[in-house]
Amino acid sequence: MPKYLDLANWARRDLFEFFRGYERPHFNVCTRIDVTKLFKLLRDRPGVSVSLAYIYFALRVANEIEPFRYRLKEDKVIVHDVINGGSTVLLPNESFSYAYFDYHENFETFFLGAAKSIKRVQAEGLLKPTMRDDLIYFTILPWVSFTSFAHARTPGRGESVPRIAFGKFTVENKRTLLPISVEVHHALMDGLHVGRYLNRFEEALRNPENYLGRKNQLTR
């Protein structure tokens, strides 16, 4: 069950009070992460979506870094036990919608559930935004290897939900690099926490087989 953060004894209390009153309290970090080993692993698994694989890692690490599970609720901070995913989905008519899926530590369970959700959205073609905040909002922009990114925002909708965007991968010196943008609410975390998130992400991608399993697993 979600719980409230003890604000009175939170080391960041002063920063929380300072930034939550900002008109534009979000900050964004863009970088590139090395997905060479992940892509190599997935070559032997043609039925596995590359984007769902790196979204799995992004969600797994978000659940490990506690501030990514913080959400604002009125004047308090809720700590969710588990953070799930929501992603843009390109439709056949070149519009898009949103798919929502649960996080599972087991990759096969996660992948099958997320893939089913995406197929359902593609078939229905309906825009169904949610007011849930136990999510990370994901965007995939596979046409552009961006170096900067900004999200559309409106007051009152997902203001404290982290937004993570992925771009077009590039190959440099035999390394496959994936652009990533991480946008978060400064009242809830700082560059230190985003740095930890990205470092942990890269650490996990150095040995993706430890999380996705060996060859011939998840072949259906």
N, C-alpha and C. Protein backbone atom coordinates (compact mmCIF):
# COMPACT_ATOMS: atom_id res chain seq x y z
N MET A 1 0.84 -1.20 0.00
CA MET A 1 0.00 0.00 0.00
C MET A 1 0.87 1.25 0.00
N PRO A 2 0.48 2.29 -0.74
CA PRO A 2 1.23 3.55 -0.69
C PRO A 2 1.24 4.12 0.72
N LYS A 3 2.30 4.82 1.04
CA LYS A 3 2.41 5.46 2.35
C LYS A 3 2.85 6.91 2.15
N TYR A 4 2.67 7.71 3.20
CA TYR A 4 3.11 9.09 3.13
C TYR A 4 4.54 9.20 3.63
N LEU A 5 5.32 10.02 2.95
CA LEU A 5 6.69 10.30 3.37
C LEU A 5 6.67 11.18 4.62
N ASP A 6 7.57 10.91 5.54
CA ASP A 6 7.69 11.71 6.76
C ASP A 6 8.41 13.01 6.42
N LEU A 7 7.65 14.02 6.05
CA LEU A 7 8.24 15.28 5.60
C LEU A 7 9.01 15.98 6.70
N ALA A 8 8.56 15.86 7.93
CA ALA A 8 9.20 16.56 9.04
C ALA A 8 10.64 16.13 9.22
N ASN A 9 10.94 14.88 8.90
CA ASN A 9 12.29 14.36 9.08
C ASN A 9 13.01 14.07 7.76
N TRP A 10 12.46 14.60 6.68
CA TRP A 10 13.07 14.41 5.36
C TRP A 10 14.23 15.38 5.19
N ALA A 11 15.38 14.88 4.80
CA ALA A 11 16.56 15.73 4.63
C ALA A 11 16.34 16.78 3.55
N ARG A 12 15.45 16.51 2.60
CA ARG A 12 15.18 17.44 1.51
C ARG A 12 13.98 18.34 1.79
N ARG A 13 13.53 18.43 3.01
CA ARG A 13 12.31 19.19 3.30
C ARG A 13 12.40 20.63 2.79
N ASP A 14 13.51 21.30 3.04
CA ASP A 14 13.64 22.70 2.61
C ASP A 14 13.59 22.81 1.09
N LEU A 15 14.24 21.87 0.39
CA LEU A 15 14.21 21.89 -1.07
C LEU A 15 12.81 21.58 -1.59
N PHE A 16 12.11 20.67 -0.93
CA PHE A 16 10.73 20.35 -1.29
C PHE A 16 9.86 21.60 -1.21
N GLU A 17 9.95 22.32 -0.10
CA GLU A 17 9.16 23.52 0.08
C GLU A 17 9.55 24.60 -0.94
N PHE A 18 10.82 24.66 -1.25
CA PHE A 18 11.33 25.68 -2.17
C PHE A 18 10.83 25.46 -3.59
N PHE A 19 10.95 24.23 -4.10
CA PHE A 19 10.66 23.97 -5.51
C PHE A 19 9.19 23.72 -5.80
N ARG A 20 8.41 23.28 -4.83
CA ARG A 20 7.03 22.95 -5.16
C ARG A 20 6.21 24.19 -5.50
N GLY A 21 6.70 25.36 -5.15
CA GLY A 21 5.99 26.58 -5.50
C GLY A 21 6.39 27.18 -6.82
N TYR A 22 7.33 26.55 -7.51
CA TYR A 22 7.79 27.05 -8.80
C TYR A 22 6.70 26.93 -9.86
N GLU A 23 6.67 27.89 -10.76
CA GLU A 23 5.75 27.81 -11.89
C GLU A 23 6.17 26.69 -12.83
N ARG A 24 7.48 26.50 -12.98
CA ARG A 24 8.02 25.43 -13.82
C ARG A 24 9.02 24.62 -13.00
N PRO A 25 8.54 23.68 -12.20
CA PRO A 25 9.41 22.99 -11.24
C PRO A 25 10.13 21.75 -11.78
N HIS A 26 10.02 21.50 -13.07
CA HIS A 26 10.62 20.28 -13.62
C HIS A 26 12.00 20.54 -14.21
N PHE A 27 12.85 19.53 -14.15
CA PHE A 27 14.12 19.63 -14.85
C PHE A 27 14.34 18.34 -15.64
N ASN A 28 15.21 18.46 -16.63
CA ASN A 28 15.38 17.39 -17.61
C ASN A 28 16.86 17.11 -17.82
N VAL A 29 17.19 15.83 -17.92
CA VAL A 29 18.56 15.42 -18.22
C VAL A 29 18.52 14.52 -19.47
N CYS A 30 19.33 14.86 -20.46
CA CYS A 30 19.43 14.04 -21.68
C CYS A 30 20.84 13.48 -21.79
N THR A 31 20.92 12.23 -22.18
CA THR A 31 22.21 11.60 -22.40
C THR A 31 22.02 10.43 -23.34
N ARG A 32 23.05 9.61 -23.51
CA ARG A 32 22.94 8.40 -24.31
C ARG A 32 23.42 7.22 -23.46
N ILE A 33 22.73 6.10 -23.58
CA ILE A 33 23.13 4.92 -22.83
C ILE A 33 23.55 3.82 -23.80
N ASP A 34 24.50 3.01 -23.36
CA ASP A 34 25.06 1.96 -24.20
C ASP A 34 24.17 0.72 -24.12
N VAL A 35 23.53 0.39 -25.25
CA VAL A 35 22.64 -0.78 -25.30
C VAL A 35 23.22 -1.87 -26.21
N THR A 36 24.54 -1.85 -26.41
CA THR A 36 25.18 -2.80 -27.32
C THR A 36 24.88 -4.24 -26.93
N LYS A 37 25.06 -4.57 -25.67
CA LYS A 37 24.87 -5.95 -25.22
C LYS A 37 23.39 -6.34 -25.25
N LEU A 38 22.53 -5.39 -24.96
CA LEU A 38 21.09 -5.67 -25.02
C LEU A 38 20.68 -6.00 -26.44
N PHE A 39 21.10 -5.18 -27.40
CA PHE A 39 20.74 -5.42 -28.80
C PHE A 39 21.31 -6.76 -29.29
N LYS A 40 22.52 -7.07 -28.88
CA LYS A 40 23.14 -8.34 -29.28
C LYS A 40 22.34 -9.51 -28.72
N LEU A 41 21.91 -9.40 -27.48
CA LEU A 41 21.13 -10.46 -26.85
C LEU A 41 19.80 -10.67 -27.57
N LEU A 42 19.18 -9.57 -28.00
CA LEU A 42 17.85 -9.65 -28.60
C LEU A 42 17.87 -10.10 -30.06
N ARG A 43 19.05 -10.13 -30.68
CA ARG A 43 19.12 -10.62 -32.07
C ARG A 43 18.67 -12.08 -32.16
N ASP A 44 18.88 -12.83 -31.11
CA ASP A 44 18.48 -14.23 -31.09
C ASP A 44 17.03 -14.41 -30.65
N ARG A 45 16.32 -13.30 -30.45
CA ARG A 45 14.93 -13.38 -29.98
C ARG A 45 14.06 -12.46 -30.83
N PRO A 46 13.81 -12.85 -32.08
CA PRO A 46 13.07 -11.98 -33.00
C PRO A 46 11.67 -11.61 -32.55
N GLY A 47 11.10 -12.38 -31.64
CA GLY A 47 9.75 -12.06 -31.19
C GLY A 47 9.69 -11.07 -30.05
N VAL A 48 10.84 -10.63 -29.57
CA VAL A 48 10.88 -9.73 -28.42
C VAL A 48 11.11 -8.29 -28.89
N SER A 49 10.22 -7.39 -28.48
CA SER A 49 10.33 -5.98 -28.85
C SER A 49 11.52 -5.34 -28.15
N VAL A 50 12.36 -4.68 -28.93
CA VAL A 50 13.51 -3.97 -28.36
C VAL A 50 13.04 -2.86 -27.42
N SER A 51 12.02 -2.12 -27.85
CA SER A 51 11.55 -1.00 -27.03
C SER A 51 10.97 -1.48 -25.71
N LEU A 52 10.24 -2.59 -25.71
CA LEU A 52 9.72 -3.11 -24.45
C LEU A 52 10.85 -3.63 -23.56
N ALA A 53 11.92 -4.10 -24.17
CA ALA A 53 13.06 -4.56 -23.38
C ALA A 53 13.71 -3.40 -22.65
N TYR A 54 13.96 -2.28 -23.34
CA TYR A 54 14.60 -1.19 -22.59
C TYR A 54 13.62 -0.46 -21.68
N ILE A 55 12.32 -0.50 -21.99
CA ILE A 55 11.34 0.04 -21.05
C ILE A 55 11.32 -0.81 -19.78
N TYR A 56 11.47 -2.13 -19.93
CA TYR A 56 11.54 -3.01 -18.76
C TYR A 56 12.68 -2.58 -17.85
N PHE A 57 13.86 -2.36 -18.41
CA PHE A 57 15.00 -1.93 -17.60
C PHE A 57 14.73 -0.58 -16.96
N ALA A 58 14.13 0.33 -17.72
CA ALA A 58 13.83 1.67 -17.19
C ALA A 58 12.88 1.58 -16.00
N LEU A 59 11.87 0.71 -16.10
CA LEU A 59 10.92 0.55 -14.99
C LEU A 59 11.56 -0.17 -13.81
N ARG A 60 12.35 -1.17 -14.09
CA ARG A 60 12.99 -1.91 -13.02
C ARG A 60 13.86 -0.99 -12.17
N VAL A 61 14.66 -0.17 -12.83
CA VAL A 61 15.54 0.74 -12.11
C VAL A 61 14.74 1.83 -11.39
N ALA A 62 13.66 2.31 -12.00
CA ALA A 62 12.81 3.31 -11.35
C ALA A 62 12.24 2.78 -10.04
N ASN A 63 11.93 1.50 -10.00
CA ASN A 63 11.42 0.91 -8.77
C ASN A 63 12.51 0.73 -7.73
N GLU A 64 13.76 0.67 -8.17
CA GLU A 64 14.87 0.53 -7.24
C GLU A 64 15.26 1.87 -6.60
N ILE A 65 15.08 2.98 -7.33
CA ILE A 65 15.48 4.31 -6.85
C ILE A 65 14.25 4.97 -6.22
N GLU A 66 14.19 5.04 -4.90
CA GLU A 66 12.97 5.43 -4.20
C GLU A 66 12.36 6.75 -4.66
N PRO A 67 13.12 7.82 -4.87
CA PRO A 67 12.48 9.08 -5.28
C PRO A 67 11.66 8.98 -6.57
N PHE A 68 11.94 7.99 -7.41
CA PHE A 68 11.14 7.80 -8.62
C PHE A 68 9.77 7.22 -8.30
N ARG A 69 9.57 6.82 -7.05
CA ARG A 69 8.25 6.33 -6.62
C ARG A 69 7.51 7.38 -5.79
N TYR A 70 8.09 8.58 -5.66
CA TYR A 70 7.41 9.67 -4.94
C TYR A 70 6.41 10.37 -5.86
N ARG A 71 5.28 10.74 -5.30
CA ARG A 71 4.30 11.53 -6.03
C ARG A 71 3.68 12.57 -5.10
N LEU A 72 3.40 13.74 -5.64
CA LEU A 72 2.77 14.80 -4.86
C LEU A 72 1.27 14.53 -4.74
N LYS A 73 0.76 14.76 -3.54
CA LYS A 73 -0.68 14.70 -3.31
C LYS A 73 -1.04 15.81 -2.34
N GLU A 74 -1.62 16.88 -2.89
CA GLU A 74 -1.92 18.09 -2.13
C GLU A 74 -0.61 18.60 -1.52
N ASP A 75 -0.50 18.67 -0.21
CA ASP A 75 0.73 19.18 0.40
C ASP A 75 1.62 18.06 0.93
N LYS A 76 1.36 16.83 0.49
CA LYS A 76 2.10 15.68 1.00
C LYS A 76 2.79 14.94 -0.13
N VAL A 77 3.61 13.98 0.26
CA VAL A 77 4.31 13.13 -0.72
C VAL A 77 3.96 11.68 -0.45
N ILE A 78 3.40 11.03 -1.46
CA ILE A 78 3.08 9.61 -1.38
C ILE A 78 4.27 8.81 -1.91
N VAL A 79 4.55 7.68 -1.25
CA VAL A 79 5.57 6.75 -1.73
C VAL A 79 4.85 5.49 -2.19
N HIS A 80 4.84 5.25 -3.49
CA HIS A 80 4.20 4.05 -4.02
C HIS A 80 5.11 2.84 -3.82
N ASP A 81 4.49 1.69 -3.59
CA ASP A 81 5.25 0.45 -3.45
C ASP A 81 5.84 0.02 -4.80
N VAL A 82 5.04 0.17 -5.84
CA VAL A 82 5.45 -0.26 -7.18
C VAL A 82 5.02 0.80 -8.19
N ILE A 83 5.91 1.07 -9.13
CA ILE A 83 5.61 1.99 -10.22
C ILE A 83 5.46 1.18 -11.50
N ASN A 84 4.42 1.46 -12.26
CA ASN A 84 4.12 0.75 -13.50
C ASN A 84 4.42 1.64 -14.71
N GLY A 85 3.98 1.25 -15.88
CA GLY A 85 4.35 1.98 -17.08
C GLY A 85 3.18 2.45 -17.92
N GLY A 86 3.38 3.55 -18.60
CA GLY A 86 2.45 4.04 -19.61
C GLY A 86 3.28 4.53 -20.78
N SER A 87 2.90 4.18 -21.99
CA SER A 87 3.71 4.53 -23.15
C SER A 87 2.86 4.99 -24.32
N THR A 88 3.40 5.91 -25.10
CA THR A 88 2.76 6.28 -26.36
C THR A 88 2.82 5.08 -27.30
N VAL A 89 1.77 4.94 -28.12
CA VAL A 89 1.69 3.84 -29.09
C VAL A 89 1.27 4.43 -30.44
N LEU A 90 2.09 4.24 -31.46
CA LEU A 90 1.77 4.73 -32.80
C LEU A 90 0.66 3.87 -33.40
N LEU A 91 -0.34 4.53 -33.96
CA LEU A 91 -1.48 3.84 -34.55
C LEU A 91 -1.32 3.75 -36.08
N PRO A 92 -2.06 2.85 -36.71
CA PRO A 92 -1.94 2.69 -38.17
C PRO A 92 -2.22 3.96 -38.96
N ASN A 93 -3.04 4.87 -38.43
CA ASN A 93 -3.37 6.10 -39.13
C ASN A 93 -2.39 7.24 -38.83
N GLU A 94 -1.26 6.90 -38.18
CA GLU A 94 -0.19 7.83 -37.83
C GLU A 94 -0.57 8.79 -36.71
N SER A 95 -1.69 8.53 -36.04
CA SER A 95 -1.99 9.19 -34.78
C SER A 95 -1.36 8.34 -33.67
N PHE A 96 -1.64 8.65 -32.42
CA PHE A 96 -1.11 7.80 -31.36
C PHE A 96 -2.08 7.77 -30.19
N SER A 97 -1.87 6.78 -29.34
CA SER A 97 -2.65 6.66 -28.12
C SER A 97 -1.70 6.23 -27.00
N TYR A 98 -2.27 5.85 -25.86
CA TYR A 98 -1.47 5.44 -24.71
C TYR A 98 -1.82 4.02 -24.30
N ALA A 99 -0.81 3.26 -23.97
CA ALA A 99 -1.00 1.92 -23.39
C ALA A 99 -0.44 1.93 -21.98
N TYR A 100 -1.11 1.22 -21.08
CA TYR A 100 -0.69 1.13 -19.69
C TYR A 100 -0.46 -0.33 -19.35
N PHE A 101 0.60 -0.60 -18.59
CA PHE A 101 0.93 -1.98 -18.28
C PHE A 101 1.62 -2.04 -16.92
N ASP A 102 1.47 -3.18 -16.27
CA ASP A 102 2.04 -3.38 -14.94
C ASP A 102 3.50 -3.77 -15.01
N TYR A 103 4.25 -3.35 -14.00
CA TYR A 103 5.63 -3.78 -13.88
C TYR A 103 5.68 -5.14 -13.18
N HIS A 104 6.50 -6.03 -13.71
CA HIS A 104 6.80 -7.31 -13.07
C HIS A 104 8.31 -7.52 -13.13
N GLU A 105 8.86 -7.99 -12.05
CA GLU A 105 10.30 -8.22 -12.04
C GLU A 105 10.70 -9.28 -13.05
N ASN A 106 9.87 -10.29 -13.22
CA ASN A 106 10.12 -11.31 -14.22
C ASN A 106 9.88 -10.74 -15.62
N PHE A 107 10.90 -10.78 -16.47
CA PHE A 107 10.78 -10.13 -17.78
C PHE A 107 9.71 -10.75 -18.65
N GLU A 108 9.62 -12.07 -18.64
CA GLU A 108 8.62 -12.72 -19.50
C GLU A 108 7.21 -12.28 -19.12
N THR A 109 6.92 -12.25 -17.82
CA THR A 109 5.60 -11.82 -17.36
C THR A 109 5.33 -10.38 -17.77
N PHE A 110 6.34 -9.52 -17.58
CA PHE A 110 6.20 -8.11 -17.97
C PHE A 110 5.97 -7.98 -19.47
N PHE A 111 6.80 -8.65 -20.25
CA PHE A 111 6.74 -8.50 -21.70
C PHE A 111 5.39 -8.95 -22.26
N LEU A 112 4.91 -10.10 -21.83
CA LEU A 112 3.66 -10.62 -22.36
C LEU A 112 2.49 -9.70 -22.00
N GLY A 113 2.48 -9.17 -20.78
CA GLY A 113 1.41 -8.26 -20.37
C GLY A 113 1.46 -6.94 -21.12
N ALA A 114 2.66 -6.37 -21.27
CA ALA A 114 2.80 -5.09 -21.96
C ALA A 114 2.47 -5.23 -23.44
N ALA A 115 2.94 -6.31 -24.07
CA ALA A 115 2.66 -6.52 -25.49
C ALA A 115 1.17 -6.67 -25.74
N LYS A 116 0.48 -7.34 -24.84
CA LYS A 116 -0.96 -7.52 -24.96
C LYS A 116 -1.68 -6.18 -24.85
N SER A 117 -1.24 -5.34 -23.93
CA SER A 117 -1.84 -4.02 -23.75
C SER A 117 -1.64 -3.15 -24.99
N ILE A 118 -0.46 -3.19 -25.57
CA ILE A 118 -0.16 -2.39 -26.75
C ILE A 118 -0.99 -2.86 -27.94
N LYS A 119 -1.10 -4.16 -28.14
CA LYS A 119 -1.91 -4.68 -29.25
C LYS A 119 -3.37 -4.28 -29.11
N ARG A 120 -3.87 -4.27 -27.89
CA ARG A 120 -5.26 -3.88 -27.66
C ARG A 120 -5.47 -2.41 -28.02
N VAL A 121 -4.55 -1.56 -27.64
CA VAL A 121 -4.66 -0.14 -27.97
C VAL A 121 -4.57 0.07 -29.47
N GLN A 122 -3.67 -0.64 -30.14
CA GLN A 122 -3.54 -0.51 -31.60
C GLN A 122 -4.82 -0.94 -32.31
N ALA A 123 -5.50 -1.95 -31.77
CA ALA A 123 -6.74 -2.43 -32.38
C ALA A 123 -7.90 -1.47 -32.13
N GLU A 124 -7.97 -0.92 -30.92
CA GLU A 124 -9.08 -0.03 -30.57
C GLU A 124 -8.89 1.37 -31.14
N GLY A 125 -7.65 1.86 -31.10
CA GLY A 125 -7.37 3.18 -31.64
C GLY A 125 -7.99 4.33 -30.87
N LEU A 126 -8.31 4.11 -29.60
CA LEU A 126 -8.98 5.14 -28.80
C LEU A 126 -8.00 5.81 -27.85
N LEU A 127 -8.13 7.11 -27.69
CA LEU A 127 -7.29 7.85 -26.76
C LEU A 127 -7.92 7.79 -25.38
N LYS A 128 -7.24 7.11 -24.45
CA LYS A 128 -7.76 6.94 -23.09
C LYS A 128 -6.71 7.34 -22.07
N PRO A 129 -6.48 8.65 -21.90
CA PRO A 129 -5.52 9.08 -20.88
C PRO A 129 -6.02 8.73 -19.48
N THR A 130 -5.10 8.59 -18.55
CA THR A 130 -5.46 8.20 -17.19
C THR A 130 -4.97 9.26 -16.20
N MET A 131 -5.63 9.30 -15.05
CA MET A 131 -5.20 10.20 -13.98
C MET A 131 -4.38 9.45 -12.93
N ARG A 132 -4.08 8.17 -13.18
CA ARG A 132 -3.23 7.43 -12.26
C ARG A 132 -1.86 8.09 -12.17
N ASP A 133 -1.25 8.01 -11.00
CA ASP A 133 0.10 8.56 -10.87
C ASP A 133 1.13 7.51 -10.48
N ASP A 134 0.72 6.25 -10.37
CA ASP A 134 1.69 5.18 -10.05
C ASP A 134 2.34 4.66 -11.32
N LEU A 135 2.80 5.59 -12.14
CA LEU A 135 3.33 5.28 -13.47
C LEU A 135 4.61 6.05 -13.74
N ILE A 136 5.34 5.58 -14.72
CA ILE A 136 6.32 6.38 -15.44
C ILE A 136 5.74 6.58 -16.83
N TYR A 137 5.74 7.82 -17.33
CA TYR A 137 5.26 8.07 -18.68
C TYR A 137 6.43 7.91 -19.65
N PHE A 138 6.27 7.01 -20.62
CA PHE A 138 7.32 6.77 -21.61
C PHE A 138 6.89 7.29 -22.98
N THR A 139 7.85 7.84 -23.70
CA THR A 139 7.67 8.27 -25.08
C THR A 139 8.81 7.70 -25.90
N ILE A 140 8.49 7.18 -27.08
CA ILE A 140 9.52 6.65 -27.97
C ILE A 140 9.51 7.45 -29.26
N LEU A 141 10.65 8.02 -29.60
CA LEU A 141 10.81 8.84 -30.80
C LEU A 141 11.90 8.20 -31.66
N PRO A 142 11.58 7.11 -32.35
CA PRO A 142 12.62 6.32 -33.03
C PRO A 142 13.16 6.95 -34.30
N TRP A 143 12.67 8.12 -34.68
CA TRP A 143 13.10 8.77 -35.91
C TRP A 143 14.20 9.80 -35.68
N VAL A 144 14.48 10.14 -34.41
CA VAL A 144 15.41 11.23 -34.12
C VAL A 144 16.37 10.82 -33.00
N SER A 145 17.65 10.99 -33.26
CA SER A 145 18.65 10.78 -32.21
C SER A 145 18.85 12.12 -31.50
N PHE A 146 17.92 12.46 -30.63
CA PHE A 146 17.88 13.80 -30.05
C PHE A 146 18.97 14.02 -29.01
N THR A 147 19.27 15.29 -28.79
CA THR A 147 20.19 15.69 -27.72
C THR A 147 19.49 16.59 -26.70
N SER A 148 18.23 16.91 -26.96
CA SER A 148 17.42 17.70 -26.04
C SER A 148 15.97 17.30 -26.24
N PHE A 149 15.17 17.46 -25.18
CA PHE A 149 13.78 17.02 -25.27
C PHE A 149 12.94 17.80 -24.26
N ALA A 150 11.70 18.13 -24.64
CA ALA A 150 10.76 18.79 -23.73
C ALA A 150 9.39 18.20 -23.95
N HIS A 151 8.65 17.98 -22.85
CA HIS A 151 7.33 17.39 -22.92
C HIS A 151 6.24 18.46 -22.86
N ALA A 152 5.10 18.15 -23.48
CA ALA A 152 3.91 18.98 -23.30
C ALA A 152 3.37 18.74 -21.89
N ARG A 153 2.95 19.81 -21.23
CA ARG A 153 2.43 19.69 -19.87
C ARG A 153 1.23 20.60 -19.70
N THR A 154 0.35 20.19 -18.78
CA THR A 154 -0.77 21.02 -18.39
C THR A 154 -0.96 20.90 -16.89
N PRO A 155 -1.30 21.96 -16.18
CA PRO A 155 -1.46 21.89 -14.73
C PRO A 155 -2.53 20.87 -14.34
N GLY A 156 -2.24 20.13 -13.29
CA GLY A 156 -3.22 19.21 -12.74
C GLY A 156 -3.22 17.81 -13.34
N ARG A 157 -2.37 17.55 -14.33
CA ARG A 157 -2.34 16.20 -14.92
C ARG A 157 -0.91 15.65 -14.84
N GLY A 158 -0.73 14.70 -13.95
CA GLY A 158 0.55 14.01 -13.85
C GLY A 158 1.73 14.91 -13.59
N GLU A 159 1.54 15.94 -12.77
CA GLU A 159 2.61 16.92 -12.59
C GLU A 159 3.86 16.34 -11.94
N SER A 160 3.69 15.34 -11.08
CA SER A 160 4.86 14.79 -10.39
C SER A 160 5.29 13.44 -10.96
N VAL A 161 4.69 13.03 -12.07
CA VAL A 161 5.05 11.76 -12.71
C VAL A 161 6.30 11.95 -13.58
N PRO A 162 7.36 11.17 -13.35
CA PRO A 162 8.53 11.27 -14.23
C PRO A 162 8.18 10.91 -15.66
N ARG A 163 8.82 11.58 -16.60
CA ARG A 163 8.63 11.33 -18.02
C ARG A 163 9.97 10.94 -18.64
N ILE A 164 9.98 9.81 -19.30
CA ILE A 164 11.22 9.30 -19.89
C ILE A 164 10.99 9.09 -21.38
N ALA A 165 11.86 9.65 -22.19
CA ALA A 165 11.77 9.53 -23.65
C ALA A 165 13.00 8.82 -24.19
N PHE A 166 12.78 8.01 -25.20
CA PHE A 166 13.87 7.32 -25.89
C PHE A 166 13.85 7.73 -27.36
N GLY A 167 15.05 7.84 -27.96
CA GLY A 167 15.15 8.27 -29.36
C GLY A 167 15.71 7.19 -30.27
N LYS A 168 16.20 7.62 -31.41
CA LYS A 168 16.77 6.72 -32.41
C LYS A 168 18.19 6.34 -32.01
N PHE A 169 18.47 5.06 -32.03
CA PHE A 169 19.82 4.63 -31.64
C PHE A 169 20.81 4.88 -32.77
N THR A 170 22.06 5.06 -32.40
CA THR A 170 23.15 5.26 -33.35
C THR A 170 24.28 4.29 -33.01
N VAL A 171 25.15 4.04 -33.97
CA VAL A 171 26.29 3.16 -33.76
C VAL A 171 27.57 3.98 -33.91
N GLU A 172 28.39 3.96 -32.88
CA GLU A 172 29.66 4.68 -32.89
C GLU A 172 30.74 3.77 -32.31
N ASN A 173 31.82 3.57 -33.07
CA ASN A 173 32.92 2.73 -32.60
C ASN A 173 32.43 1.37 -32.10
N LYS A 174 31.51 0.79 -32.86
CA LYS A 174 30.95 -0.52 -32.58
C LYS A 174 30.09 -0.55 -31.32
N ARG A 175 29.72 0.59 -30.83
CA ARG A 175 28.83 0.69 -29.67
C ARG A 175 27.48 1.22 -30.12
N THR A 176 26.40 0.60 -29.67
CA THR A 176 25.05 1.05 -29.98
C THR A 176 24.57 1.95 -28.85
N LEU A 177 24.25 3.19 -29.20
CA LEU A 177 23.89 4.19 -28.19
C LEU A 177 22.45 4.64 -28.37
N LEU A 178 21.73 4.72 -27.27
CA LEU A 178 20.31 5.07 -27.28
C LEU A 178 20.09 6.38 -26.54
N PRO A 179 19.55 7.42 -27.21
CA PRO A 179 19.25 8.67 -26.50
C PRO A 179 18.16 8.46 -25.46
N ILE A 180 18.33 9.08 -24.31
CA ILE A 180 17.32 9.01 -23.26
C ILE A 180 17.17 10.39 -22.62
N SER A 181 15.93 10.77 -22.38
CA SER A 181 15.62 12.01 -21.66
C SER A 181 14.85 11.63 -20.40
N VAL A 182 15.28 12.16 -19.27
CA VAL A 182 14.61 11.91 -17.99
C VAL A 182 14.16 13.26 -17.42
N GLU A 183 12.85 13.43 -17.29
CA GLU A 183 12.29 14.68 -16.79
C GLU A 183 11.55 14.40 -15.48
N VAL A 184 11.88 15.15 -14.43
CA VAL A 184 11.33 14.89 -13.10
C VAL A 184 10.97 16.21 -12.41
N HIS A 185 10.22 16.09 -11.32
CA HIS A 185 9.80 17.24 -10.52
C HIS A 185 10.87 17.53 -9.48
N HIS A 186 11.37 18.79 -9.48
CA HIS A 186 12.49 19.13 -8.61
C HIS A 186 12.12 19.17 -7.13
N ALA A 187 10.85 19.25 -6.81
CA ALA A 187 10.47 19.18 -5.40
C ALA A 187 10.68 17.78 -4.84
N LEU A 188 10.74 16.79 -5.71
CA LEU A 188 10.83 15.40 -5.26
C LEU A 188 12.22 14.80 -5.39
N MET A 189 13.03 15.33 -6.26
CA MET A 189 14.39 14.80 -6.41
C MET A 189 15.30 15.81 -7.08
N ASP A 190 16.59 15.50 -7.03
CA ASP A 190 17.61 16.38 -7.58
C ASP A 190 18.44 15.65 -8.63
N GLY A 191 19.43 16.36 -9.17
CA GLY A 191 20.31 15.75 -10.15
C GLY A 191 21.03 14.53 -9.62
N LEU A 192 21.30 14.52 -8.32
CA LEU A 192 21.93 13.36 -7.68
C LEU A 192 21.13 12.09 -7.93
N HIS A 193 19.81 12.20 -7.77
CA HIS A 193 18.96 11.02 -7.91
C HIS A 193 18.81 10.60 -9.37
N VAL A 194 18.72 11.56 -10.27
CA VAL A 194 18.67 11.22 -11.69
C VAL A 194 19.99 10.58 -12.12
N GLY A 195 21.09 11.10 -11.58
CA GLY A 195 22.39 10.51 -11.87
C GLY A 195 22.48 9.06 -11.40
N ARG A 196 21.98 8.81 -10.20
CA ARG A 196 21.97 7.44 -9.70
C ARG A 196 21.12 6.54 -10.59
N TYR A 197 19.99 7.08 -11.03
CA TYR A 197 19.10 6.32 -11.90
C TYR A 197 19.82 5.92 -13.19
N LEU A 198 20.44 6.89 -13.84
CA LEU A 198 21.10 6.61 -15.12
C LEU A 198 22.30 5.69 -14.94
N ASN A 199 23.05 5.86 -13.86
CA ASN A 199 24.19 4.98 -13.60
C ASN A 199 23.73 3.54 -13.36
N ARG A 200 22.64 3.40 -12.61
CA ARG A 200 22.12 2.06 -12.34
C ARG A 200 21.57 1.42 -13.62
N PHE A 201 20.95 2.23 -14.46
CA PHE A 201 20.43 1.77 -15.75
C PHE A 201 21.58 1.20 -16.58
N GLU A 202 22.66 1.95 -16.70
CA GLU A 202 23.81 1.51 -17.48
C GLU A 202 24.44 0.25 -16.88
N GLU A 203 24.48 0.21 -15.56
CA GLU A 203 25.03 -0.96 -14.88
C GLU A 203 24.25 -2.23 -15.22
N ALA A 204 22.93 -2.13 -15.19
CA ALA A 204 22.09 -3.28 -15.52
C ALA A 204 22.27 -3.72 -16.97
N LEU A 205 22.46 -2.76 -17.87
CA LEU A 205 22.60 -3.07 -19.30
C LEU A 205 23.95 -3.69 -19.64
N ARG A 206 24.88 -3.66 -18.72
CA ARG A 206 26.17 -4.31 -18.98
C ARG A 206 26.03 -5.83 -18.99
N ASN A 207 25.03 -6.34 -18.28
CA ASN A 207 24.78 -7.78 -18.21
C ASN A 207 23.29 -8.05 -18.34
N PRO A 208 22.69 -7.74 -19.49
CA PRO A 208 21.23 -7.86 -19.63
C PRO A 208 20.72 -9.29 -19.48
N GLU A 209 21.59 -10.27 -19.75
CA GLU A 209 21.16 -11.66 -19.64
C GLU A 209 20.82 -12.03 -18.20
N ASN A 210 21.34 -11.29 -17.23
CA ASN A 210 21.03 -11.55 -15.83
C ASN A 210 19.57 -11.22 -15.50
N TYR A 211 18.94 -10.42 -16.35
CA TYR A 211 17.57 -9.97 -16.10
C TYR A 211 16.58 -10.55 -17.12
N LEU A 212 17.04 -10.75 -18.35
CA LEU A 212 16.16 -11.23 -19.41
C LEU A 212 16.24 -12.73 -19.62
N GLY A 213 17.23 -13.37 -19.01
CA GLY A 213 17.40 -14.79 -19.20
C GLY A 213 18.29 -15.09 -20.39
N ARG A 214 18.64 -16.34 -20.54
CA ARG A 214 19.55 -16.77 -21.59
C ARG A 214 18.81 -17.02 -22.91
N LYS A 215 19.57 -17.34 -23.95
CA LYS A 215 19.01 -17.62 -25.27
C LYS A 215 17.98 -18.74 -25.20
N ASN A 216 16.95 -18.60 -26.04
CA ASN A 216 15.86 -19.57 -26.18
C ASN A 216 14.82 -19.46 -25.08
N GLN A 217 15.04 -18.57 -24.10
CA GLN A 217 13.95 -18.28 -23.19
C GLN A 217 13.08 -17.19 -23.80
N LEU A 218 11.81 -17.19 -23.50
CA LEU A 218 10.85 -16.23 -24.05
C LEU A 218 10.85 -16.29 -25.57
N THR A 219 10.58 -17.44 -26.14
CA THR A 219 10.58 -17.60 -27.60
C THR A 219 9.16 -17.59 -28.17
N ARG A 220 8.15 -17.68 -27.33
CA ARG A 220 6.80 -17.72 -27.89
C ARG A 220 6.25 -16.33 -28.11
